[in-house]
Amino acid sequence: MKLTQICALAGALVFSSVALAEGGGDRTFEKMMAAKDLAMEKYLAREGKSAPVVSSDEKNEKAK
């Protein structure tokens, strides 16, 4: 009985560490954001416009 409980605990710890391991989602998100930024730069260059200013960026610049 004691051996079964130890094995169950060890199995739960191993399973949880595998379940919480990074599955590549962060890398995928980073690649997606980089592709979005590149597409936005190309669009702005083609349209001849400047990059839009985000209002939170303006507040941060004024605070400095």
PDB file of N, CA and C in Angstrom:
ATOM      1  N   MET A   1       0.827  -1.188   0.000  1.00  0.00           N
ATOM      2  CA  MET A   1       0.000   0.000   0.000  1.00  0.00           C
ATOM      3  C   MET A   1       0.872   1.253   0.000  1.00  0.00           C
ATOM      4  N   LYS A   2       1.896   1.246   0.806  1.00  0.00           N
ATOM      5  CA  LYS A   2       2.799   2.394   0.888  1.00  0.00           C
ATOM      6  C   LYS A   2       3.519   2.591  -0.455  1.00  0.00           C
ATOM      7  N   LEU A   3       3.913   1.486  -1.089  1.00  0.00           N
ATOM      8  CA  LEU A   3       4.602   1.564  -2.381  1.00  0.00           C
ATOM      9  C   LEU A   3       3.674   2.140  -3.452  1.00  0.00           C
ATOM     10  N   THR A   4       2.428   1.784  -3.408  1.00  0.00           N
ATOM     11  CA  THR A   4       1.453   2.297  -4.366  1.00  0.00           C
ATOM     12  C   THR A   4       1.280   3.806  -4.205  1.00  0.00           C
ATOM     13  N   GLN A   5       1.231   4.280  -2.986  1.00  0.00           N
ATOM     14  CA  GLN A   5       1.081   5.713  -2.742  1.00  0.00           C
ATOM     15  C   GLN A   5       2.315   6.481  -3.225  1.00  0.00           C
ATOM     16  N   ILE A   6       3.491   5.904  -2.998  1.00  0.00           N
ATOM     17  CA  ILE A   6       4.731   6.547  -3.447  1.00  0.00           C
ATOM     18  C   ILE A   6       4.768   6.615  -4.963  1.00  0.00           C
ATOM     19  N   CYS A   7       4.380   5.527  -5.615  1.00  0.00           N
ATOM     20  CA  CYS A   7       4.354   5.514  -7.084  1.00  0.00           C
ATOM     21  C   CYS A   7       3.328   6.506  -7.621  1.00  0.00           C
ATOM     22  N   ALA A   8       2.179   6.608  -6.959  1.00  0.00           N
ATOM     23  CA  ALA A   8       1.150   7.549  -7.395  1.00  0.00           C
ATOM     24  C   ALA A   8       1.641   8.988  -7.248  1.00  0.00           C
ATOM     25  N   LEU A   9       2.310   9.281  -6.156  1.00  0.00           N
ATOM     26  CA  LEU A   9       2.852  10.617  -5.940  1.00  0.00           C
ATOM     27  C   LEU A   9       3.919  10.939  -6.976  1.00  0.00           C
ATOM     28  N   ALA A  10       4.816   9.997  -7.206  1.00  0.00           N
ATOM     29  CA  ALA A  10       5.871  10.216  -8.197  1.00  0.00           C
ATOM     30  C   ALA A  10       5.270  10.408  -9.587  1.00  0.00           C
ATOM     31  N   GLY A  11       4.276   9.624  -9.924  1.00  0.00           N
ATOM     32  CA  GLY A  11       3.613   9.760 -11.219  1.00  0.00           C
ATOM     33  C   GLY A  11       2.933  11.109 -11.371  1.00  0.00           C
ATOM     34  N   ALA A  12       2.283  11.566 -10.308  1.00  0.00           N
ATOM     35  CA  ALA A  12       1.620  12.868 -10.354  1.00  0.00           C
ATOM     36  C   ALA A  12       2.632  13.993 -10.537  1.00  0.00           C
ATOM     37  N   LEU A  13       3.761  13.893  -9.882  1.00  0.00           N
ATOM     38  CA  LEU A  13       4.790  14.930 -10.017  1.00  0.00           C
ATOM     39  C   LEU A  13       5.382  14.948 -11.425  1.00  0.00           C
ATOM     40  N   VAL A  14       5.635  13.763 -11.966  1.00  0.00           N
ATOM     41  CA  VAL A  14       6.181  13.676 -13.326  1.00  0.00           C
ATOM     42  C   VAL A  14       5.161  14.199 -14.328  1.00  0.00           C
ATOM     43  N   PHE A  15       3.914  13.795 -14.182  1.00  0.00           N
ATOM     44  CA  PHE A  15       2.873  14.238 -15.112  1.00  0.00           C
ATOM     45  C   PHE A  15       2.694  15.750 -15.064  1.00  0.00           C
ATOM     46  N   SER A  16       2.706  16.330 -13.876  1.00  0.00           N
ATOM     47  CA  SER A  16       2.508  17.772 -13.772  1.00  0.00           C
ATOM     48  C   SER A  16       3.672  18.548 -14.379  1.00  0.00           C
ATOM     49  N   SER A  17       4.877  18.040 -14.233  1.00  0.00           N
ATOM     50  CA  SER A  17       6.024  18.744 -14.820  1.00  0.00           C
ATOM     51  C   SER A  17       5.985  18.671 -16.338  1.00  0.00           C
ATOM     52  N   VAL A  18       5.499  17.556 -16.883  1.00  0.00           N
ATOM     53  CA  VAL A  18       5.371  17.433 -18.338  1.00  0.00           C
ATOM     54  C   VAL A  18       4.238  18.314 -18.842  1.00  0.00           C
ATOM     55  N   ALA A  19       3.143  18.354 -18.116  1.00  0.00           N
ATOM     56  CA  ALA A  19       1.976  19.140 -18.533  1.00  0.00           C
ATOM     57  C   ALA A  19       2.273  20.634 -18.510  1.00  0.00           C
ATOM     58  N   LEU A  20       3.111  21.084 -17.598  1.00  0.00           N
ATOM     59  CA  LEU A  20       3.398  22.506 -17.474  1.00  0.00           C
ATOM     60  C   LEU A  20       4.619  22.949 -18.274  1.00  0.00           C
ATOM     61  N   ALA A  21       5.275  22.022 -18.955  1.00  0.00           N
ATOM     62  CA  ALA A  21       6.465  22.370 -19.729  1.00  0.00           C
ATOM     63  C   ALA A  21       6.068  23.232 -20.927  1.00  0.00           C
ATOM     64  N   GLU A  22       6.995  24.050 -21.384  1.00  0.00           N
ATOM     65  CA  GLU A  22       6.733  24.925 -22.518  1.00  0.00           C
ATOM     66  C   GLU A  22       6.559  24.083 -23.766  1.00  0.00           C
ATOM     67  N   GLY A  23       5.471  24.278 -24.440  1.00  0.00           N
ATOM     68  CA  GLY A  23       5.183  23.497 -25.630  1.00  0.00           C
ATOM     69  C   GLY A  23       5.475  24.240 -26.912  1.00  0.00           C
ATOM     70  N   GLY A  24       6.124  25.349 -26.856  1.00  0.00           N
ATOM     71  CA  GLY A  24       6.432  26.104 -28.066  1.00  0.00           C
ATOM     72  C   GLY A  24       5.448  27.235 -28.319  1.00  0.00           C
ATOM     73  N   GLY A  25       4.486  27.400 -27.445  1.00  0.00           N
ATOM     74  CA  GLY A  25       3.498  28.463 -27.635  1.00  0.00           C
ATOM     75  C   GLY A  25       4.123  29.843 -27.618  1.00  0.00           C
ATOM     76  N   ASP A  26       5.111  30.047 -26.764  1.00  0.00           N
ATOM     77  CA  ASP A  26       5.773  31.354 -26.698  1.00  0.00           C
ATOM     78  C   ASP A  26       6.527  31.643 -27.988  1.00  0.00           C
ATOM     79  N   ARG A  27       7.193  30.631 -28.521  1.00  0.00           N
ATOM     80  CA  ARG A  27       7.929  30.825 -29.776  1.00  0.00           C
ATOM     81  C   ARG A  27       6.965  31.107 -30.921  1.00  0.00           C
ATOM     82  N   THR A  28       5.844  30.412 -30.950  1.00  0.00           N
ATOM     83  CA  THR A  28       4.856  30.627 -31.999  1.00  0.00           C
ATOM     84  C   THR A  28       4.280  32.029 -31.916  1.00  0.00           C
ATOM     85  N   PHE A  29       3.971  32.483 -30.708  1.00  0.00           N
ATOM     86  CA  PHE A  29       3.431  33.830 -30.524  1.00  0.00           C
ATOM     87  C   PHE A  29       4.446  34.875 -30.954  1.00  0.00           C
ATOM     88  N   GLU A  30       5.718  34.664 -30.615  1.00  0.00           N
ATOM     89  CA  GLU A  30       6.759  35.617 -30.993  1.00  0.00           C
ATOM     90  C   GLU A  30       6.921  35.680 -32.510  1.00  0.00           C
ATOM     91  N   LYS A  31       6.874  34.529 -33.177  1.00  0.00           N
ATOM     92  CA  LYS A  31       6.965  34.511 -34.642  1.00  0.00           C
ATOM     93  C   LYS A  31       5.767  35.221 -35.265  1.00  0.00           C
ATOM     94  N   MET A  32       4.582  35.021 -34.692  1.00  0.00           N
ATOM     95  CA  MET A  32       3.383  35.660 -35.202  1.00  0.00           C
ATOM     96  C   MET A  32       3.482  37.177 -35.070  1.00  0.00           C
ATOM     97  N   MET A  33       3.956  37.653 -33.914  1.00  0.00           N
ATOM     98  CA  MET A  33       4.076  39.095 -33.703  1.00  0.00           C
ATOM     99  C   MET A  33       5.141  39.703 -34.622  1.00  0.00           C
ATOM    100  N   ALA A  34       6.234  38.985 -34.853  1.00  0.00           N
ATOM    101  CA  ALA A  34       7.273  39.475 -35.753  1.00  0.00           C
ATOM    102  C   ALA A  34       6.733  39.569 -37.181  1.00  0.00           C
ATOM    103  N   ALA A  35       5.956  38.584 -37.600  1.00  0.00           N
ATOM    104  CA  ALA A  35       5.363  38.609 -38.935  1.00  0.00           C
ATOM    105  C   ALA A  35       4.370  39.756 -39.067  1.00  0.00           C
ATOM    106  N   LYS A  36       3.604  40.023 -38.006  1.00  0.00           N
ATOM    107  CA  LYS A  36       2.648  41.138 -38.020  1.00  0.00           C
ATOM    108  C   LYS A  36       3.376  42.469 -38.140  1.00  0.00           C
ATOM    109  N   ASP A  37       4.460  42.628 -37.387  1.00  0.00           N
ATOM    110  CA  ASP A  37       5.230  43.864 -37.433  1.00  0.00           C
ATOM    111  C   ASP A  37       5.833  44.092 -38.813  1.00  0.00           C
ATOM    112  N   LEU A  38       6.360  43.019 -39.411  1.00  0.00           N
ATOM    113  CA  LEU A  38       6.944  43.130 -40.746  1.00  0.00           C
ATOM    114  C   LEU A  38       5.877  43.495 -41.771  1.00  0.00           C
ATOM    115  N   ALA A  39       4.716  42.862 -41.679  1.00  0.00           N
ATOM    116  CA  ALA A  39       3.629  43.170 -42.604  1.00  0.00           C
ATOM    117  C   ALA A  39       3.169  44.614 -42.438  1.00  0.00           C
ATOM    118  N   MET A  40       3.110  45.092 -41.209  1.00  0.00           N
ATOM    119  CA  MET A  40       2.699  46.480 -40.962  1.00  0.00           C
ATOM    120  C   MET A  40       3.720  47.449 -41.532  1.00  0.00           C
ATOM    121  N   GLU A  41       5.012  47.159 -41.387  1.00  0.00           N
ATOM    122  CA  GLU A  41       6.045  48.027 -41.946  1.00  0.00           C
ATOM    123  C   GLU A  41       5.947  48.080 -43.463  1.00  0.00           C
ATOM    124  N   LYS A  42       5.730  46.935 -44.090  1.00  0.00           N
ATOM    125  CA  LYS A  42       5.599  46.895 -45.556  1.00  0.00           C
ATOM    126  C   LYS A  42       4.369  47.668 -46.017  1.00  0.00           C
ATOM    127  N   TYR A  43       3.278  47.507 -45.287  1.00  0.00           N
ATOM    128  CA  TYR A  43       2.048  48.226 -45.637  1.00  0.00           C
ATOM    129  C   TYR A  43       2.258  49.729 -45.531  1.00  0.00           C
ATOM    130  N   LEU A  44       2.856  50.166 -44.428  1.00  0.00           N
ATOM    131  CA  LEU A  44       3.071  51.599 -44.238  1.00  0.00           C
ATOM    132  C   LEU A  44       4.009  52.159 -45.297  1.00  0.00           C
ATOM    133  N   ALA A  45       5.040  51.390 -45.673  1.00  0.00           N
ATOM    134  CA  ALA A  45       5.967  51.852 -46.712  1.00  0.00           C
ATOM    135  C   ALA A  45       5.247  51.955 -48.053  1.00  0.00           C
ATOM    136  N   ARG A  46       4.377  51.002 -48.342  1.00  0.00           N
ATOM    137  CA  ARG A  46       3.654  51.003 -49.612  1.00  0.00           C
ATOM    138  C   ARG A  46       2.654  52.160 -49.660  1.00  0.00           C
ATOM    139  N   GLU A  47       2.021  52.464 -48.553  1.00  0.00           N
ATOM    140  CA  GLU A  47       1.034  53.536 -48.502  1.00  0.00           C
ATOM    141  C   GLU A  47       1.669  54.911 -48.292  1.00  0.00           C
ATOM    142  N   GLY A  48       2.937  54.931 -47.918  1.00  0.00           N
ATOM    143  CA  GLY A  48       3.625  56.201 -47.707  1.00  0.00           C
ATOM    144  C   GLY A  48       3.210  56.899 -46.423  1.00  0.00           C
ATOM    145  N   LYS A  49       2.821  56.120 -45.436  1.00  0.00           N
ATOM    146  CA  LYS A  49       2.380  56.690 -44.164  1.00  0.00           C
ATOM    147  C   LYS A  49       3.413  56.411 -43.087  1.00  0.00           C
ATOM    148  N   SER A  50       3.309  57.162 -41.996  1.00  0.00           N
ATOM    149  CA  SER A  50       4.194  56.898 -40.862  1.00  0.00           C
ATOM    150  C   SER A  50       3.494  55.950 -39.896  1.00  0.00           C
ATOM    151  N   ALA A  51       4.260  55.367 -39.023  1.00  0.00           N
ATOM    152  CA  ALA A  51       3.708  54.413 -38.063  1.00  0.00           C
ATOM    153  C   ALA A  51       2.763  55.138 -37.107  1.00  0.00           C
ATOM    154  N   PRO A  52       1.637  54.504 -36.782  1.00  0.00           N
ATOM    155  CA  PRO A  52       0.703  55.154 -35.859  1.00  0.00           C
ATOM    156  C   PRO A  52       1.282  55.227 -34.456  1.00  0.00           C
ATOM    157  N   VAL A  53       0.904  56.277 -33.729  1.00  0.00           N
ATOM    158  CA  VAL A  53       1.368  56.455 -32.356  1.00  0.00           C
ATOM    159  C   VAL A  53       0.263  55.974 -31.431  1.00  0.00           C
ATOM    160  N   VAL A  54       0.610  55.083 -30.541  1.00  0.00           N
ATOM    161  CA  VAL A  54      -0.349  54.568 -29.577  1.00  0.00           C
ATOM    162  C   VAL A  54      -0.438  55.544 -28.418  1.00  0.00           C
ATOM    163  N   SER A  55      -1.644  55.788 -27.933  1.00  0.00           N
ATOM    164  CA  SER A  55      -1.828  56.808 -26.905  1.00  0.00           C
ATOM    165  C   SER A  55      -1.053  56.491 -25.632  1.00  0.00           C
ATOM    166  N   SER A  56      -0.903  55.213 -25.287  1.00  0.00           N
ATOM    167  CA  SER A  56      -0.138  54.877 -24.086  1.00  0.00           C
ATOM    168  C   SER A  56       1.338  55.204 -24.278  1.00  0.00           C
ATOM    169  N   ASP A  57       1.827  55.127 -25.527  1.00  0.00           N
ATOM    170  CA  ASP A  57       3.211  55.512 -25.804  1.00  0.00           C
ATOM    171  C   ASP A  57       3.403  57.013 -25.595  1.00  0.00           C
ATOM    172  N   GLU A  58       2.409  57.803 -25.996  1.00  0.00           N
ATOM    173  CA  GLU A  58       2.499  59.248 -25.805  1.00  0.00           C
ATOM    174  C   GLU A  58       2.561  59.588 -24.322  1.00  0.00           C
ATOM    175  N   LYS A  59       1.743  58.912 -23.528  1.00  0.00           N
ATOM    176  CA  LYS A  59       1.734  59.181 -22.086  1.00  0.00           C
ATOM    177  C   LYS A  59       3.078  58.824 -21.476  1.00  0.00           C
ATOM    178  N   ASN A  60       3.676  57.722 -21.918  1.00  0.00           N
ATOM    179  CA  ASN A  60       4.966  57.310 -21.382  1.00  0.00           C
ATOM    180  C   ASN A  60       6.057  58.310 -21.757  1.00  0.00           C
ATOM    181  N   GLU A  61       5.990  58.854 -22.973  1.00  0.00           N
ATOM    182  CA  GLU A  61       7.000  59.811 -23.407  1.00  0.00           C
ATOM    183  C   GLU A  61       6.862  61.125 -22.626  1.00  0.00           C
ATOM    184  N   LYS A  62       5.632  61.542 -22.352  1.00  0.00           N
ATOM    185  CA  LYS A  62       5.414  62.786 -21.621  1.00  0.00           C
ATOM    186  C   LYS A  62       5.846  62.639 -20.164  1.00  0.00           C
ATOM    187  N   ALA A  63       5.738  61.452 -19.640  1.00  0.00           N
ATOM    188  CA  ALA A  63       6.089  61.231 -18.235  1.00  0.00           C
ATOM    189  C   ALA A  63       7.594  61.271 -18.015  1.00  0.00           C
ATOM    190  N   LYS A  64       8.376  61.056 -19.059  1.00  0.00           N
ATOM    191  CA  LYS A  64       9.842  61.010 -18.915  1.00  0.00           C
ATOM    192  C   LYS A  64      10.453  62.358 -18.795  1.00  0.00           C
TER     193      LYS A  64
END
